[in-house]
Amino acid sequence: MKQTIYFSAANLLLACSLYPQSQRMAVTTVARAYQSPDGAFSLEVPAGWTARKEEGSNEISFLLGHVTVSAGAVPISPGQTVDHWVETSKLLLKEQCPTAEVQTEGKTTVAGAPGVTFTMFCPGPRLPTTVQESAALLNGKIFTFNITAPSLEISSAQSDIDSMAKSFRFGVEKHPEHADADYDQRMKALKEDCAAGKVSQSDCATKSAEIGADHARAMGSSDEHTGQVMMAVAQSYQDPAHRFSLDIPSGFTLAQRGEHGQDGVVLTHDKTWITVAPRQGERPEETLTSYSRQVQEAYTDLHEGKHGVMNLNGHRALTDSFTGVDKSGAICFVGMTDIDMGRGNSVAIIWSAPQEESALAGVAVQKLQQGIW
């Protein structure tokens, strides 16, 4: 049976208030999201692994018992190739273990890019050890993902290793030393234009959210710009019916909607709320049209923000956002993204935030859009 999505005007008018209470649930931390201080790469690390920063580079190692997984990105010299890098690595391993032999080699994917890999076995002199190194050339850097483990222990950690390898992705390099100055300059100019009436109140909220989101991306994961390792805990939620999974934005609280989360979840932070609702039998175009019509009925001085077709993790999605004034006179930032998950299923992300929290909401929505799978 075709389901029709409908959001009552009463719910929409809660835009600048806390979302109604839902069933609370404990969320188990299942992974940590790591991003290199320079923003060159990121990956998810399963619980139980400890981090060790490699001095003098952006390489990071994660340890579980005697198993080590390392990831990094290094600028290449002119004329250097992935094959040259790999052959050099083999020679260095041979120096450390003269009896080591190559067991396998071939093609692979590293940080989402095509690369090469090899496995070497060292019989001693201590424990028999397996070393696997993978590398790919991307944006002028060699991205590496390496594994070192006693041969008898590697199988027990294989699922975690595969998970980390799959989540390993290149990023956009951050320049936090310029981010604060750029943010201050843009916000100052915007406030002057808003005060002078050159920009409407609704557009002020939209542009403020955009500037805040740009600033958050530019800051990356550096800790007070010192480049220290940041292991931000990313709590994850798995829908009990396995319709979707998501990473919970930092600072937000998750609660299920409906019995056992059958209606999805709601995430709240102060007066900002974001709902994630699985849908079935309705095309994203129909869902978004219904939502947009209700927004237009509930708000005045309405201005459309970001809208159109998106590609999120390989899924087609439609999005629409607005700033408007609710019946209490408060300026709100509201919107919706509907992600086509295939086979007649979709996941709708609906959000609402007061003007002063629009930057926070914009960043959280973007993380949810990119993190739903």
Protein backbone atom coordinates (compact mmCIF):
# COMPACT_ATOMS: atom_id res chain seq x y z
CA MET A 1 0.00 0.00 0.00
CA LYS A 2 1.27 3.45 -0.90
CA GLN A 3 2.21 5.56 2.09
CA THR A 4 1.66 9.30 1.93
CA ILE A 5 3.98 11.49 3.94
CA TYR A 6 2.29 14.35 5.74
CA PHE A 7 3.67 16.70 8.33
CA SER A 8 0.93 18.54 10.20
CA ALA A 9 0.99 22.31 10.45
CA ALA A 10 1.16 21.86 14.23
CA ASN A 11 4.51 20.10 13.89
CA LEU A 12 5.80 22.67 11.44
CA LEU A 13 4.91 25.46 13.83
CA LEU A 14 7.20 23.88 16.40
CA ALA A 15 10.06 24.96 14.16
CA CYS A 16 11.71 27.22 16.71
CA SER A 17 10.78 25.07 19.72
CA LEU A 18 11.85 21.72 21.03
CA TYR A 19 10.45 18.77 19.10
CA PRO A 20 7.84 16.76 21.05
CA GLN A 21 9.33 14.17 23.35
CA SER A 22 9.84 10.71 21.88
CA GLN A 23 10.90 7.40 23.32
CA ARG A 24 14.47 7.72 24.58
CA MET A 25 16.96 5.01 23.83
CA ALA A 26 20.56 4.30 24.74
CA VAL A 27 22.88 4.44 21.76
CA THR A 28 25.91 2.18 21.74
CA THR A 29 29.14 3.67 20.47
CA VAL A 30 30.30 1.37 17.71
CA ALA A 31 32.91 3.43 15.91
CA ARG A 32 35.08 6.50 16.15
CA ALA A 33 35.53 8.85 13.24
CA TYR A 34 39.13 9.96 12.69
CA GLN A 35 40.22 12.74 10.37
CA SER A 36 43.86 13.65 9.87
CA PRO A 37 44.74 17.11 11.23
CA ASP A 38 45.38 18.41 7.70
CA GLY A 39 42.08 17.00 6.45
CA ALA A 40 43.81 14.81 3.85
CA PHE A 41 41.95 11.63 4.84
CA SER A 42 39.48 10.10 7.25
CA LEU A 43 38.37 6.66 8.40
CA GLU A 44 36.18 4.98 10.99
CA VAL A 45 37.79 2.98 13.77
CA PRO A 46 35.88 0.17 15.53
CA ALA A 47 35.63 0.23 19.30
CA GLY A 48 38.52 -1.30 21.21
CA TRP A 49 41.34 -0.01 18.99
CA THR A 50 43.80 2.54 20.40
CA ALA A 51 45.46 5.30 18.40
CA ARG A 52 49.13 6.15 18.08
CA LYS A 53 50.28 9.24 16.20
CA GLU A 54 53.37 8.85 14.07
CA GLU A 55 55.60 11.88 14.68
CA GLY A 56 56.69 13.98 11.73
CA SER A 57 53.84 12.92 9.42
CA ASN A 58 50.07 12.70 9.22
CA GLU A 59 50.27 8.90 9.51
CA ILE A 60 48.13 7.39 12.23
CA SER A 61 48.31 3.84 13.61
CA PHE A 62 45.57 1.90 15.37
CA LEU A 63 46.39 -1.08 17.59
CA LEU A 64 44.40 -4.03 18.84
CA GLY A 65 46.62 -6.45 20.72
CA HIS A 66 49.58 -7.13 18.42
CA VAL A 67 47.66 -6.10 15.27
CA THR A 68 48.50 -2.68 13.80
CA VAL A 69 46.65 -0.80 11.06
CA SER A 70 48.28 2.37 9.71
CA ALA A 71 46.94 5.01 7.32
CA GLY A 72 48.55 8.09 5.86
CA ALA A 73 48.97 10.44 2.91
CA VAL A 74 52.38 11.65 1.73
CA PRO A 75 53.18 14.17 -1.04
CA ILE A 76 55.06 12.51 -3.90
CA SER A 77 58.27 13.68 -5.49
CA PRO A 78 58.28 14.66 -9.19
CA GLY A 79 58.18 11.54 -11.34
CA GLN A 80 57.42 9.23 -8.44
CA THR A 81 54.77 6.54 -9.05
CA VAL A 82 52.78 4.13 -6.91
CA ASP A 83 54.77 1.21 -8.32
CA HIS A 84 58.02 2.89 -7.29
CA TRP A 85 56.60 3.46 -3.81
CA VAL A 86 55.59 -0.17 -3.46
CA GLU A 87 58.94 -1.52 -4.65
CA THR A 88 60.75 0.73 -2.18
CA SER A 89 58.50 -0.57 0.61
CA LYS A 90 59.36 -4.16 -0.31
CA LEU A 91 63.08 -3.39 -0.13
CA LEU A 92 62.71 -1.76 3.28
CA LEU A 93 60.80 -4.78 4.59
CA LYS A 94 63.50 -7.08 3.21
CA GLU A 95 66.10 -5.10 5.15
CA GLN A 96 64.13 -5.63 8.37
CA CYS A 97 63.41 -9.30 7.64
CA PRO A 98 65.86 -10.79 5.08
CA THR A 99 63.85 -14.05 4.91
CA ALA A 100 60.56 -12.27 4.05
CA GLU A 101 58.79 -13.33 0.87
CA VAL A 102 56.04 -11.78 -1.21
CA GLN A 103 52.91 -13.92 -0.95
CA THR A 104 50.40 -11.94 -3.00
CA GLU A 105 50.30 -8.74 -5.04
CA GLY A 106 47.80 -7.09 -7.33
CA LYS A 107 45.24 -4.30 -7.74
CA THR A 108 43.06 -2.84 -5.00
CA THR A 109 41.19 0.31 -3.97
CA VAL A 110 42.70 2.72 -1.47
CA ALA A 111 40.77 5.75 -0.15
CA GLY A 112 38.32 5.27 -2.99
CA ALA A 113 41.01 5.38 -5.68
CA PRO A 114 42.53 2.53 -7.75
CA GLY A 115 45.82 1.34 -6.30
CA VAL A 116 48.13 -1.61 -5.79
CA THR A 117 48.74 -3.96 -2.88
CA PHE A 118 51.13 -6.69 -1.77
CA THR A 119 51.44 -9.09 1.16
CA MET A 120 54.74 -10.29 2.62
CA PHE A 121 55.37 -13.02 5.14
CA CYS A 122 58.23 -12.88 7.63
CA PRO A 123 58.85 -16.25 9.39
CA GLY A 124 60.84 -14.84 12.29
CA PRO A 125 63.07 -14.51 14.22
CA ARG A 126 60.26 -13.87 16.73
CA LEU A 127 56.66 -14.48 15.72
CA PRO A 128 55.71 -15.31 12.13
CA THR A 129 54.37 -11.98 10.86
CA THR A 130 52.22 -10.91 7.93
CA VAL A 131 52.57 -7.44 6.42
CA GLN A 132 50.12 -6.06 3.87
CA GLU A 133 50.69 -2.67 2.25
CA SER A 134 48.35 -0.87 -0.13
CA ALA A 135 48.88 2.45 -1.91
CA ALA A 136 47.16 4.73 -4.41
CA LEU A 137 48.07 8.03 -6.06
CA LEU A 138 45.49 10.76 -5.61
CA ASN A 139 45.72 14.57 -5.79
CA GLY A 140 49.52 14.50 -5.78
CA LYS A 141 49.73 12.29 -2.70
CA ILE A 142 50.38 8.64 -2.02
CA PHE A 143 47.61 7.30 0.22
CA THR A 144 48.67 4.22 2.18
CA PHE A 145 46.78 1.63 4.19
CA ASN A 146 49.04 -0.90 5.90
CA ILE A 147 48.53 -3.90 8.18
CA THR A 148 51.11 -5.62 10.37
CA ALA A 149 50.10 -8.59 12.52
CA PRO A 150 51.26 -11.95 13.85
CA SER A 151 50.06 -14.42 11.24
CA LEU A 152 47.96 -16.33 13.79
CA GLU A 153 46.14 -13.19 15.01
CA ILE A 154 45.21 -11.41 11.80
CA SER A 155 42.10 -13.50 11.10
CA SER A 156 40.48 -12.54 14.41
CA ALA A 157 40.74 -8.84 13.51
CA GLN A 158 39.93 -9.22 9.81
CA SER A 159 36.36 -7.88 10.01
CA ASP A 160 37.55 -4.72 11.79
CA ILE A 161 40.39 -4.30 9.29
CA ASP A 162 38.00 -4.65 6.36
CA SER A 163 35.68 -2.09 7.93
CA MET A 164 38.50 0.43 8.34
CA ALA A 165 39.74 -0.14 4.80
CA LYS A 166 36.25 0.42 3.41
CA SER A 167 35.79 3.67 5.38
CA PHE A 168 39.24 5.06 4.45
CA ARG A 169 38.60 8.15 2.28
CA PHE A 170 40.56 11.11 0.99
CA GLY A 171 39.37 14.55 2.11
CA VAL A 172 39.78 18.22 1.36
CA GLU A 173 42.82 19.72 3.05
CA LYS A 174 42.00 22.20 5.79
CA HIS A 175 43.69 25.51 6.47
CA PRO A 176 42.55 26.39 10.00
CA GLU A 177 45.13 29.17 10.27
CA HIS A 178 43.00 31.19 7.83
CA ALA A 179 39.55 29.93 8.83
CA ASP A 180 38.85 32.23 11.80
CA ALA A 181 39.91 35.40 9.98
CA ASP A 182 37.83 34.49 6.95
CA TYR A 183 34.81 33.68 9.15
CA ASP A 184 35.10 36.95 11.09
CA GLN A 185 35.44 38.98 7.89
CA ARG A 186 32.44 37.38 6.19
CA MET A 187 30.23 37.56 9.28
CA LYS A 188 31.13 41.23 9.85
CA ALA A 189 30.20 42.09 6.28
CA LEU A 190 26.95 40.13 6.55
CA LYS A 191 25.95 41.82 9.83
CA GLU A 192 26.60 45.25 8.30
CA ASP A 193 24.44 44.40 5.28
CA CYS A 194 21.68 43.02 7.51
CA ALA A 195 21.74 46.09 9.79
CA ALA A 196 21.60 48.39 6.77
CA GLY A 197 18.63 46.50 5.35
CA LYS A 198 20.53 45.39 2.25
CA VAL A 199 19.75 41.76 3.09
CA SER A 200 16.36 40.54 4.40
CA GLN A 201 16.14 38.90 7.81
CA SER A 202 15.42 35.52 6.24
CA ASP A 203 18.39 35.78 3.88
CA CYS A 204 20.56 36.82 6.82
CA ALA A 205 19.73 33.50 8.53
CA THR A 206 20.45 31.50 5.39
CA LYS A 207 23.75 33.22 4.67
CA SER A 208 24.79 32.93 8.33
CA ALA A 209 24.21 29.16 8.16
CA GLU A 210 26.26 28.90 4.97
CA ILE A 211 29.17 30.85 6.50
CA GLY A 212 29.04 28.71 9.64
CA ALA A 213 29.10 25.50 7.61
CA ASP A 214 32.06 26.74 5.55
CA HIS A 215 33.92 27.63 8.74
CA ALA A 216 33.30 24.20 10.28
CA ARG A 217 34.59 22.46 7.15
CA ALA A 218 37.67 24.68 7.05
CA MET A 219 38.48 24.01 10.71
CA GLY A 220 38.54 20.26 10.03
CA SER A 221 39.61 18.19 13.04
CA SER A 222 42.58 20.18 14.33
CA ASP A 223 42.66 20.75 18.07
CA GLU A 224 43.16 24.48 18.63
CA HIS A 225 45.26 24.41 15.45
CA THR A 226 48.00 22.33 17.08
CA GLY A 227 47.49 19.32 14.86
CA GLN A 228 46.96 16.99 17.80
CA VAL A 229 45.14 13.73 17.15
CA MET A 230 41.38 14.12 17.35
CA MET A 231 39.40 10.97 18.08
CA ALA A 232 35.90 12.39 17.92
CA VAL A 233 33.40 9.80 19.07
CA ALA A 234 30.77 9.30 16.39
CA GLN A 235 27.83 7.50 17.92
CA SER A 236 26.05 5.37 15.36
CA TYR A 237 22.43 4.28 15.18
CA GLN A 238 21.15 1.22 13.32
CA ASP A 239 17.43 1.20 12.56
CA PRO A 240 15.99 -1.97 14.19
CA ALA A 241 14.31 -2.87 10.89
CA HIS A 242 17.60 -2.33 9.03
CA ARG A 243 16.11 0.38 6.80
CA PHE A 244 18.95 2.86 7.43
CA SER A 245 21.94 3.62 9.62
CA LEU A 246 23.38 6.99 10.57
CA ASP A 247 26.13 8.71 12.54
CA ILE A 248 24.75 11.02 15.24
CA PRO A 249 26.13 14.59 14.96
CA SER A 250 28.17 15.69 17.94
CA GLY A 251 26.08 17.29 20.68
CA PHE A 252 22.75 15.88 19.49
CA THR A 253 20.50 13.50 21.43
CA LEU A 254 18.68 10.72 19.61
CA ALA A 255 15.25 9.33 20.42
CA GLN A 256 13.12 6.81 18.57
CA ARG A 257 9.77 7.77 17.04
CA GLY A 258 6.99 5.21 17.30
CA GLU A 259 7.21 1.74 18.78
CA HIS A 260 10.74 0.36 18.38
CA GLY A 261 11.59 3.26 16.09
CA GLN A 262 9.11 2.26 13.38
CA ASP A 263 8.62 5.95 12.49
CA GLY A 264 12.34 6.71 12.50
CA VAL A 265 14.21 8.93 14.94
CA VAL A 266 14.43 12.53 16.07
CA LEU A 267 17.70 14.27 16.98
CA THR A 268 17.61 17.35 19.17
CA HIS A 269 20.05 20.03 20.31
CA ASP A 270 18.63 22.94 22.33
CA LYS A 271 15.83 24.27 20.07
CA THR A 272 17.02 22.50 16.91
CA TRP A 273 15.38 19.24 15.83
CA ILE A 274 16.06 16.91 12.93
CA THR A 275 13.89 13.92 12.11
CA VAL A 276 14.97 10.95 10.02
CA ALA A 277 11.95 9.08 8.70
CA PRO A 278 12.00 5.97 6.47
CA ARG A 279 9.37 6.06 3.72
CA GLN A 280 7.93 3.47 1.37
CA GLY A 281 5.87 3.69 -1.80
CA GLU A 282 6.17 7.42 -2.46
CA ARG A 283 8.59 9.03 -4.88
CA PRO A 284 10.94 11.72 -3.45
CA GLU A 285 9.37 14.30 -5.80
CA GLU A 286 5.93 13.71 -4.25
CA THR A 287 7.29 13.78 -0.70
CA LEU A 288 9.17 17.04 -1.25
CA THR A 289 6.21 18.72 -2.99
CA SER A 290 3.94 17.83 -0.07
CA TYR A 291 6.45 19.16 2.45
CA SER A 292 7.15 22.39 0.56
CA ARG A 293 3.42 23.13 0.27
CA GLN A 294 2.99 22.83 4.02
CA VAL A 295 5.99 25.07 4.71
CA GLN A 296 4.48 27.73 2.46
CA GLU A 297 1.23 27.53 4.42
CA ALA A 298 2.92 27.74 7.83
CA TYR A 299 5.45 30.56 7.32
CA THR A 300 5.54 34.13 6.06
CA ASP A 301 8.39 36.10 4.49
CA LEU A 302 9.56 32.77 3.08
CA HIS A 303 12.81 32.54 1.11
CA GLU A 304 14.03 29.39 -0.59
CA GLY A 305 17.62 28.32 0.08
CA LYS A 306 19.55 25.35 -1.24
CA HIS A 307 17.40 23.08 -3.39
CA GLY A 308 17.65 20.58 -6.22
CA VAL A 309 19.04 17.13 -6.96
CA MET A 310 21.97 15.69 -4.98
CA ASN A 311 24.04 12.50 -5.07
CA LEU A 312 24.53 11.14 -1.56
CA ASN A 313 26.68 8.02 -1.22
CA GLY A 314 25.53 6.87 -4.65
CA HIS A 315 21.84 7.53 -3.89
CA ARG A 316 19.77 10.11 -5.75
CA ALA A 317 18.30 12.69 -3.40
CA LEU A 318 16.14 15.80 -3.60
CA THR A 319 16.49 18.66 -1.15
CA ASP A 320 14.78 21.96 -0.39
CA SER A 321 15.41 24.48 2.39
CA PHE A 322 13.82 27.73 3.50
CA THR A 323 14.07 30.57 5.95
CA GLY A 324 10.82 32.09 7.11
CA VAL A 325 8.94 33.69 9.97
CA ASP A 326 6.62 31.49 12.04
CA LYS A 327 3.39 32.68 13.70
CA SER A 328 5.26 33.72 16.84
CA GLY A 329 7.43 36.08 14.79
CA ALA A 330 10.61 33.98 15.10
CA ILE A 331 12.86 33.43 12.09
CA CYS A 332 13.35 29.73 11.38
CA PHE A 333 15.65 27.68 9.16
CA VAL A 334 13.72 24.66 7.90
CA GLY A 335 14.18 22.08 5.17
CA MET A 336 13.95 18.53 3.93
CA THR A 337 16.06 16.04 2.00
CA ASP A 338 14.54 12.83 0.64
CA ILE A 339 17.04 10.10 -0.26
CA ASP A 340 16.03 7.37 -2.71
CA MET A 341 17.34 4.13 -1.20
CA GLY A 342 16.01 1.98 -4.07
CA ARG A 343 13.21 -0.60 -4.39
CA GLY A 344 10.56 1.96 -3.55
CA ASN A 345 12.20 2.96 -0.25
CA SER A 346 13.45 6.37 0.77
CA VAL A 347 14.68 8.17 3.88
CA ALA A 348 13.49 11.70 4.62
CA ILE A 349 15.57 14.14 6.69
CA ILE A 350 13.46 17.03 7.99
CA TRP A 351 14.95 19.79 10.08
CA SER A 352 14.08 23.01 11.86
CA ALA A 353 16.16 25.49 13.82
CA PRO A 354 15.86 29.06 15.12
CA GLN A 355 18.00 31.68 13.42
CA GLU A 356 20.67 31.68 16.14
CA GLU A 357 21.21 27.91 15.71
CA SER A 358 21.06 27.83 11.90
CA ALA A 359 24.82 27.37 11.48
CA LEU A 360 24.85 24.40 13.86
CA ALA A 361 21.82 22.88 12.14
CA GLY A 362 23.35 23.33 8.69
CA VAL A 363 26.50 21.43 9.66
CA ALA A 364 24.52 18.64 11.38
CA VAL A 365 22.18 18.21 8.40
CA GLN A 366 25.13 18.03 6.02
CA LYS A 367 26.76 15.30 8.15
CA LEU A 368 23.52 13.33 8.22
CA GLN A 369 23.07 13.68 4.46
CA GLN A 370 26.56 12.34 3.87
CA GLY A 371 26.43 9.73 6.63
CA ILE A 372 23.18 7.85 6.01
CA TRP A 373 23.72 4.44 4.42
